PDB file of N, CA and C in Angstrom:
ATOM      1  N   MET A   1     -30.625 120.717 -50.015  1.00  0.00           N
ATOM      2  CA  MET A   1     -30.825 120.704 -48.585  1.00  0.00           C
ATOM      3  C   MET A   1     -32.241 121.218 -48.313  1.00  0.00           C
ATOM      4  N   THR A   2     -32.796 120.781 -47.199  1.00  0.00           N
ATOM      5  CA  THR A   2     -34.135 121.229 -46.826  1.00  0.00           C
ATOM      6  C   THR A   2     -34.069 122.107 -45.582  1.00  0.00           C
ATOM      7  N   LEU A   3     -35.118 122.850 -45.345  1.00  0.00           N
ATOM      8  CA  LEU A   3     -35.153 123.818 -44.255  1.00  0.00           C
ATOM      9  C   LEU A   3     -34.973 123.168 -42.882  1.00  0.00           C
ATOM     10  N   ASP A   4     -35.443 121.954 -42.718  1.00  0.00           N
ATOM     11  CA  ASP A   4     -35.301 121.295 -41.417  1.00  0.00           C
ATOM     12  C   ASP A   4     -33.847 120.946 -41.091  1.00  0.00           C
ATOM     13  N   ALA A   5     -32.963 120.951 -42.076  1.00  0.00           N
ATOM     14  CA  ALA A   5     -31.547 120.633 -41.861  1.00  0.00           C
ATOM     15  C   ALA A   5     -30.679 121.880 -41.685  1.00  0.00           C
ATOM     16  N   LEU A   6     -31.272 123.056 -41.765  1.00  0.00           N
ATOM     17  CA  LEU A   6     -30.515 124.299 -41.636  1.00  0.00           C
ATOM     18  C   LEU A   6     -30.041 124.482 -40.195  1.00  0.00           C
ATOM     19  N   GLU A   7     -28.754 124.768 -40.026  1.00  0.00           N
ATOM     20  CA  GLU A   7     -28.165 124.962 -38.700  1.00  0.00           C
ATOM     21  C   GLU A   7     -28.722 126.229 -38.053  1.00  0.00           C
ATOM     22  N   ILE A   8     -28.819 126.223 -36.724  1.00  0.00           N
ATOM     23  CA  ILE A   8     -29.289 127.392 -35.981  1.00  0.00           C
ATOM     24  C   ILE A   8     -28.345 128.570 -36.261  1.00  0.00           C
ATOM     25  N   GLY A   9     -28.924 129.712 -36.608  1.00  0.00           N
ATOM     26  CA  GLY A   9     -28.152 130.906 -36.916  1.00  0.00           C
ATOM     27  C   GLY A   9     -27.745 131.030 -38.375  1.00  0.00           C
ATOM     28  N   ALA A  10     -27.893 129.962 -39.140  1.00  0.00           N
ATOM     29  CA  ALA A  10     -27.531 129.978 -40.560  1.00  0.00           C
ATOM     30  C   ALA A  10     -28.689 130.519 -41.393  1.00  0.00           C
ATOM     31  N   THR A  11     -28.361 131.013 -42.571  1.00  0.00           N
ATOM     32  CA  THR A  11     -29.385 131.517 -43.487  1.00  0.00           C
ATOM     33  C   THR A  11     -29.366 130.719 -44.779  1.00  0.00           C
ATOM     34  N   GLY A  12     -30.487 130.725 -45.454  1.00  0.00           N
ATOM     35  CA  GLY A  12     -30.601 130.044 -46.735  1.00  0.00           C
ATOM     36  C   GLY A  12     -31.628 130.744 -47.595  1.00  0.00           C
ATOM     37  N   ARG A  13     -31.666 130.356 -48.847  1.00  0.00           N
ATOM     38  CA  ARG A  13     -32.623 130.933 -49.798  1.00  0.00           C
ATOM     39  C   ARG A  13     -33.556 129.822 -50.260  1.00  0.00           C
ATOM     40  N   VAL A  14     -34.841 130.100 -50.242  1.00  0.00           N
ATOM     41  CA  VAL A  14     -35.830 129.116 -50.676  1.00  0.00           C
ATOM     42  C   VAL A  14     -35.679 128.891 -52.176  1.00  0.00           C
ATOM     43  N   GLU A  15     -35.513 127.632 -52.556  1.00  0.00           N
ATOM     44  CA  GLU A  15     -35.406 127.264 -53.970  1.00  0.00           C
ATOM     45  C   GLU A  15     -36.727 126.708 -54.501  1.00  0.00           C
ATOM     46  N   ARG A  16     -37.398 125.927 -53.644  1.00  0.00           N
ATOM     47  CA  ARG A  16     -38.629 125.278 -54.098  1.00  0.00           C
ATOM     48  C   ARG A  16     -39.389 124.750 -52.895  1.00  0.00           C
ATOM     49  N   VAL A  17     -40.705 124.758 -52.988  1.00  0.00           N
ATOM     50  CA  VAL A  17     -41.554 124.134 -51.977  1.00  0.00           C
ATOM     51  C   VAL A  17     -42.208 122.944 -52.663  1.00  0.00           C
ATOM     52  N   ARG A  18     -42.040 121.768 -52.075  1.00  0.00           N
ATOM     53  CA  ARG A  18     -42.589 120.563 -52.704  1.00  0.00           C
ATOM     54  C   ARG A  18     -43.586 119.897 -51.765  1.00  0.00           C
ATOM     55  N   GLY A  19     -44.364 119.004 -52.312  1.00  0.00           N
ATOM     56  CA  GLY A  19     -45.374 118.297 -51.520  1.00  0.00           C
ATOM     57  C   GLY A  19     -46.709 118.362 -52.223  1.00  0.00           C
ATOM     58  N   ASP A  20     -47.741 117.939 -51.510  1.00  0.00           N
ATOM     59  CA  ASP A  20     -49.059 117.989 -52.143  1.00  0.00           C
ATOM     60  C   ASP A  20     -49.534 119.438 -52.222  1.00  0.00           C
ATOM     61  N   ARG A  21     -50.508 119.644 -53.046  1.00  0.00           N
ATOM     62  CA  ARG A  21     -50.960 121.000 -53.373  1.00  0.00           C
ATOM     63  C   ARG A  21     -51.349 121.822 -52.134  1.00  0.00           C
ATOM     64  N   ALA A  22     -52.025 121.205 -51.175  1.00  0.00           N
ATOM     65  CA  ALA A  22     -52.486 121.926 -49.986  1.00  0.00           C
ATOM     66  C   ALA A  22     -51.314 122.423 -49.149  1.00  0.00           C
ATOM     67  N   ILE A  23     -50.306 121.581 -48.974  1.00  0.00           N
ATOM     68  CA  ILE A  23     -49.145 121.979 -48.165  1.00  0.00           C
ATOM     69  C   ILE A  23     -48.354 123.069 -48.875  1.00  0.00           C
ATOM     70  N   VAL A  24     -48.142 122.916 -50.165  1.00  0.00           N
ATOM     71  CA  VAL A  24     -47.402 123.927 -50.927  1.00  0.00           C
ATOM     72  C   VAL A  24     -48.110 125.269 -50.837  1.00  0.00           C
ATOM     73  N   GLN A  25     -49.406 125.281 -51.026  1.00  0.00           N
ATOM     74  CA  GLN A  25     -50.167 126.534 -50.972  1.00  0.00           C
ATOM     75  C   GLN A  25     -50.089 127.154 -49.581  1.00  0.00           C
ATOM     76  N   ARG A  26     -50.229 126.343 -48.542  1.00  0.00           N
ATOM     77  CA  ARG A  26     -50.191 126.852 -47.167  1.00  0.00           C
ATOM     78  C   ARG A  26     -48.835 127.476 -46.850  1.00  0.00           C
ATOM     79  N   LEU A  27     -47.757 126.806 -47.215  1.00  0.00           N
ATOM     80  CA  LEU A  27     -46.420 127.331 -46.946  1.00  0.00           C
ATOM     81  C   LEU A  27     -46.145 128.605 -47.742  1.00  0.00           C
ATOM     82  N   GLN A  28     -46.606 128.645 -48.975  1.00  0.00           N
ATOM     83  CA  GLN A  28     -46.412 129.848 -49.781  1.00  0.00           C
ATOM     84  C   GLN A  28     -47.225 131.016 -49.226  1.00  0.00           C
ATOM     85  N   GLU A  29     -48.408 130.753 -48.715  1.00  0.00           N
ATOM     86  CA  GLU A  29     -49.218 131.821 -48.112  1.00  0.00           C
ATOM     87  C   GLU A  29     -48.562 132.373 -46.852  1.00  0.00           C
ATOM     88  N   MET A  30     -47.743 131.554 -46.189  1.00  0.00           N
ATOM     89  CA  MET A  30     -47.021 132.004 -44.994  1.00  0.00           C
ATOM     90  C   MET A  30     -45.737 132.753 -45.359  1.00  0.00           C
ATOM     91  N   GLY A  31     -45.448 132.872 -46.657  1.00  0.00           N
ATOM     92  CA  GLY A  31     -44.302 133.657 -47.094  1.00  0.00           C
ATOM     93  C   GLY A  31     -43.120 132.864 -47.599  1.00  0.00           C
ATOM     94  N   LEU A  32     -43.189 131.553 -47.585  1.00  0.00           N
ATOM     95  CA  LEU A  32     -42.081 130.724 -48.047  1.00  0.00           C
ATOM     96  C   LEU A  32     -42.175 130.534 -49.560  1.00  0.00           C
ATOM     97  N   THR A  33     -41.771 131.566 -50.286  1.00  0.00           N
ATOM     98  CA  THR A  33     -41.804 131.529 -51.741  1.00  0.00           C
ATOM     99  C   THR A  33     -40.380 131.523 -52.285  1.00  0.00           C
ATOM    100  N   THR A  34     -40.228 131.159 -53.525  1.00  0.00           N
ATOM    101  CA  THR A  34     -38.917 131.078 -54.159  1.00  0.00           C
ATOM    102  C   THR A  34     -38.165 132.400 -54.049  1.00  0.00           C
ATOM    103  N   GLY A  35     -36.894 132.305 -53.630  1.00  0.00           N
ATOM    104  CA  GLY A  35     -36.032 133.469 -53.546  1.00  0.00           C
ATOM    105  C   GLY A  35     -35.991 134.150 -52.190  1.00  0.00           C
ATOM    106  N   VAL A  36     -36.877 133.788 -51.277  1.00  0.00           N
ATOM    107  CA  VAL A  36     -36.924 134.408 -49.957  1.00  0.00           C
ATOM    108  C   VAL A  36     -35.767 133.887 -49.098  1.00  0.00           C
ATOM    109  N   THR A  37     -35.154 134.793 -48.338  1.00  0.00           N
ATOM    110  CA  THR A  37     -34.087 134.416 -47.419  1.00  0.00           C
ATOM    111  C   THR A  37     -34.690 134.061 -46.072  1.00  0.00           C
ATOM    112  N   VAL A  38     -34.277 132.907 -45.531  1.00  0.00           N
ATOM    113  CA  VAL A  38     -34.756 132.456 -44.228  1.00  0.00           C
ATOM    114  C   VAL A  38     -33.570 132.218 -43.307  1.00  0.00           C
ATOM    115  N   LYS A  39     -33.780 132.458 -42.015  1.00  0.00           N
ATOM    116  CA  LYS A  39     -32.747 132.236 -41.011  1.00  0.00           C
ATOM    117  C   LYS A  39     -33.305 131.330 -39.931  1.00  0.00           C
ATOM    118  N   ALA A  40     -32.561 130.288 -39.580  1.00  0.00           N
ATOM    119  CA  ALA A  40     -32.977 129.381 -38.514  1.00  0.00           C
ATOM    120  C   ALA A  40     -32.705 130.055 -37.177  1.00  0.00           C
ATOM    121  N   ILE A  41     -33.728 130.199 -36.352  1.00  0.00           N
ATOM    122  CA  ILE A  41     -33.614 130.886 -35.071  1.00  0.00           C
ATOM    123  C   ILE A  41     -33.418 129.892 -33.933  1.00  0.00           C
ATOM    124  N   ARG A  42     -34.317 128.937 -33.817  1.00  0.00           N
ATOM    125  CA  ARG A  42     -34.194 127.941 -32.747  1.00  0.00           C
ATOM    126  C   ARG A  42     -35.074 126.732 -33.025  1.00  0.00           C
ATOM    127  N   VAL A  43     -34.776 125.670 -32.266  1.00  0.00           N
ATOM    128  CA  VAL A  43     -35.543 124.428 -32.352  1.00  0.00           C
ATOM    129  C   VAL A  43     -36.053 124.115 -30.952  1.00  0.00           C
ATOM    130  N   ALA A  44     -37.269 123.644 -30.844  1.00  0.00           N
ATOM    131  CA  ALA A  44     -37.837 123.267 -29.550  1.00  0.00           C
ATOM    132  C   ALA A  44     -37.011 122.140 -28.929  1.00  0.00           C
ATOM    133  N   PRO A  45     -37.051 121.999 -27.622  1.00  0.00           N
ATOM    134  CA  PRO A  45     -36.241 120.992 -26.934  1.00  0.00           C
ATOM    135  C   PRO A  45     -36.382 119.562 -27.470  1.00  0.00           C
ATOM    136  N   LEU A  46     -37.553 119.185 -27.908  1.00  0.00           N
ATOM    137  CA  LEU A  46     -37.739 117.835 -28.445  1.00  0.00           C
ATOM    138  C   LEU A  46     -37.559 117.781 -29.961  1.00  0.00           C
ATOM    139  N   GLY A  47     -37.104 118.892 -30.568  1.00  0.00           N
ATOM    140  CA  GLY A  47     -36.794 118.908 -31.994  1.00  0.00           C
ATOM    141  C   GLY A  47     -37.927 119.328 -32.909  1.00  0.00           C
ATOM    142  N   ASP A  48     -39.086 119.593 -32.363  1.00  0.00           N
ATOM    143  CA  ASP A  48     -40.221 119.954 -33.196  1.00  0.00           C
ATOM    144  C   ASP A  48     -41.134 120.861 -32.385  1.00  0.00           C
ATOM    145  N   PRO A  49     -41.508 122.034 -32.784  1.00  0.00           N
ATOM    146  CA  PRO A  49     -41.275 122.692 -34.071  1.00  0.00           C
ATOM    147  C   PRO A  49     -39.955 123.448 -34.098  1.00  0.00           C
ATOM    148  N   LEU A  50     -39.712 124.088 -35.246  1.00  0.00           N
ATOM    149  CA  LEU A  50     -38.549 124.948 -35.377  1.00  0.00           C
ATOM    150  C   LEU A  50     -39.015 126.340 -35.762  1.00  0.00           C
ATOM    151  N   GLU A  51     -38.221 127.326 -35.370  1.00  0.00           N
ATOM    152  CA  GLU A  51     -38.578 128.722 -35.618  1.00  0.00           C
ATOM    153  C   GLU A  51     -37.613 129.310 -36.631  1.00  0.00           C
ATOM    154  N   VAL A  52     -38.154 129.958 -37.641  1.00  0.00           N
ATOM    155  CA  VAL A  52     -37.344 130.614 -38.665  1.00  0.00           C
ATOM    156  C   VAL A  52     -37.779 132.070 -38.788  1.00  0.00           C
ATOM    157  N   GLU A  53     -36.889 132.885 -39.311  1.00  0.00           N
ATOM    158  CA  GLU A  53     -37.198 134.299 -39.538  1.00  0.00           C
ATOM    159  C   GLU A  53     -37.149 134.563 -41.031  1.00  0.00           C
ATOM    160  N   LEU A  54     -38.188 135.212 -41.540  1.00  0.00           N
ATOM    161  CA  LEU A  54     -38.253 135.573 -42.949  1.00  0.00           C
ATOM    162  C   LEU A  54     -39.153 136.775 -43.107  1.00  0.00           C
ATOM    163  N   ARG A  55     -38.866 137.605 -44.064  1.00  0.00           N
ATOM    164  CA  ARG A  55     -39.690 138.779 -44.387  1.00  0.00           C
ATOM    165  C   ARG A  55     -40.000 139.648 -43.164  1.00  0.00           C
ATOM    166  N   GLY A  56     -39.090 139.684 -42.187  1.00  0.00           N
ATOM    167  CA  GLY A  56     -39.275 140.541 -41.031  1.00  0.00           C
ATOM    168  C   GLY A  56     -40.138 139.974 -39.922  1.00  0.00           C
ATOM    169  N   TYR A  57     -40.502 138.697 -39.986  1.00  0.00           N
ATOM    170  CA  TYR A  57     -41.272 138.082 -38.903  1.00  0.00           C
ATOM    171  C   TYR A  57     -40.759 136.672 -38.644  1.00  0.00           C
ATOM    172  N   ARG A  58     -41.178 136.103 -37.528  1.00  0.00           N
ATOM    173  CA  ARG A  58     -40.763 134.754 -37.151  1.00  0.00           C
ATOM    174  C   ARG A  58     -41.922 133.790 -37.350  1.00  0.00           C
ATOM    175  N   LEU A  59     -41.571 132.605 -37.821  1.00  0.00           N
ATOM    176  CA  LEU A  59     -42.559 131.593 -38.172  1.00  0.00           C
ATOM    177  C   LEU A  59     -42.146 130.271 -37.549  1.00  0.00           C
ATOM    178  N   SER A  60     -43.080 129.592 -36.906  1.00  0.00           N
ATOM    179  CA  SER A  60     -42.824 128.260 -36.360  1.00  0.00           C
ATOM    180  C   SER A  60     -43.408 127.232 -37.318  1.00  0.00           C
ATOM    181  N   LEU A  61     -42.604 126.226 -37.624  1.00  0.00           N
ATOM    182  CA  LEU A  61     -43.008 125.167 -38.548  1.00  0.00           C
ATOM    183  C   LEU A  61     -42.759 123.807 -37.932  1.00  0.00           C
ATOM    184  N   ARG A  62     -43.624 122.865 -38.246  1.00  0.00           N
ATOM    185  CA  ARG A  62     -43.355 121.481 -37.877  1.00  0.00           C
ATOM    186  C   ARG A  62     -42.194 120.978 -38.721  1.00  0.00           C
ATOM    187  N   LYS A  63     -41.505 119.993 -38.203  1.00  0.00           N
ATOM    188  CA  LYS A  63     -40.342 119.471 -38.909  1.00  0.00           C
ATOM    189  C   LYS A  63     -40.729 118.895 -40.284  1.00  0.00           C
ATOM    190  N   ASP A  64     -41.853 118.234 -40.381  1.00  0.00           N
ATOM    191  CA  ASP A  64     -42.262 117.674 -41.674  1.00  0.00           C
ATOM    192  C   ASP A  64     -42.626 118.768 -42.678  1.00  0.00           C
ATOM    193  N   GLU A  65     -43.160 119.897 -42.206  1.00  0.00           N
ATOM    194  CA  GLU A  65     -43.428 121.024 -43.107  1.00  0.00           C
ATOM    195  C   GLU A  65     -42.114 121.635 -43.588  1.00  0.00           C
ATOM    196  N   ALA A  66     -41.162 121.797 -42.675  1.00  0.00           N
ATOM    197  CA  ALA A  66     -39.861 122.367 -43.039  1.00  0.00           C
ATOM    198  C   ALA A  66     -39.124 121.470 -44.021  1.00  0.00           C
ATOM    199  N   ALA A  67     -39.343 120.173 -43.929  1.00  0.00           N
ATOM    200  CA  ALA A  67     -38.690 119.229 -44.848  1.00  0.00           C
ATOM    201  C   ALA A  67     -39.202 119.376 -46.281  1.00  0.00           C
ATOM    202  N   ALA A  68     -40.355 120.015 -46.463  1.00  0.00           N
ATOM    203  CA  ALA A  68     -40.911 120.224 -47.794  1.00  0.00           C
ATOM    204  C   ALA A  68     -40.330 121.447 -48.492  1.00  0.00           C
ATOM    205  N   VAL A  69     -39.514 122.236 -47.769  1.00  0.00           N
ATOM    206  CA  VAL A  69     -38.937 123.463 -48.326  1.00  0.00           C
ATOM    207  C   VAL A  69     -37.469 123.220 -48.672  1.00  0.00           C
ATOM    208  N   GLU A  70     -37.163 123.225 -49.954  1.00  0.00           N
ATOM    209  CA  GLU A  70     -35.790 123.058 -50.408  1.00  0.00           C
ATOM    210  C   GLU A  70     -35.104 124.425 -50.393  1.00  0.00           C
ATOM    211  N   ILE A  71     -33.905 124.464 -49.835  1.00  0.00           N
ATOM    212  CA  ILE A  71     -33.153 125.730 -49.745  1.00  0.00           C
ATOM    213  C   ILE A  71     -31.728 125.533 -50.236  1.00  0.00           C
ATOM    214  N   SER A  72     -31.088 126.661 -50.526  1.00  0.00           N
ATOM    215  CA  SER A  72     -29.647 126.657 -50.806  1.00  0.00           C
ATOM    216  C   SER A  72     -29.010 127.516 -49.720  1.00  0.00           C
ATOM    217  N   ALA A  73     -27.899 127.058 -49.201  1.00  0.00           N
ATOM    218  CA  ALA A  73     -27.212 127.793 -48.123  1.00  0.00           C
ATOM    219  C   ALA A  73     -26.611 129.075 -48.683  1.00  0.00           C
ATOM    220  N   LEU A  74     -26.574 130.099 -47.845  1.00  0.00           N
ATOM    221  CA  LEU A  74     -25.958 131.382 -48.232  1.00  0.00           C
ATOM    222  C   LEU A  74     -24.625 131.547 -47.547  1.00  0.00           C
TER     223      LEU A  74
END
């Protein structure tokens, strides 16, 4: 499953970040590294962006960026 498919209020664990090198590096610099727990907070009215909580802060991601993050549900 990918981060963009995570239900609001649900949590998951990052398994892998995939994509081209620039996107992977950018997402990892924002804290989306293997093993991190993320929680889906909300989605904008038109479905993009989405807000997640990780490492004690909230992060907004575009749907295509979130689709690059593979997670396992907790």
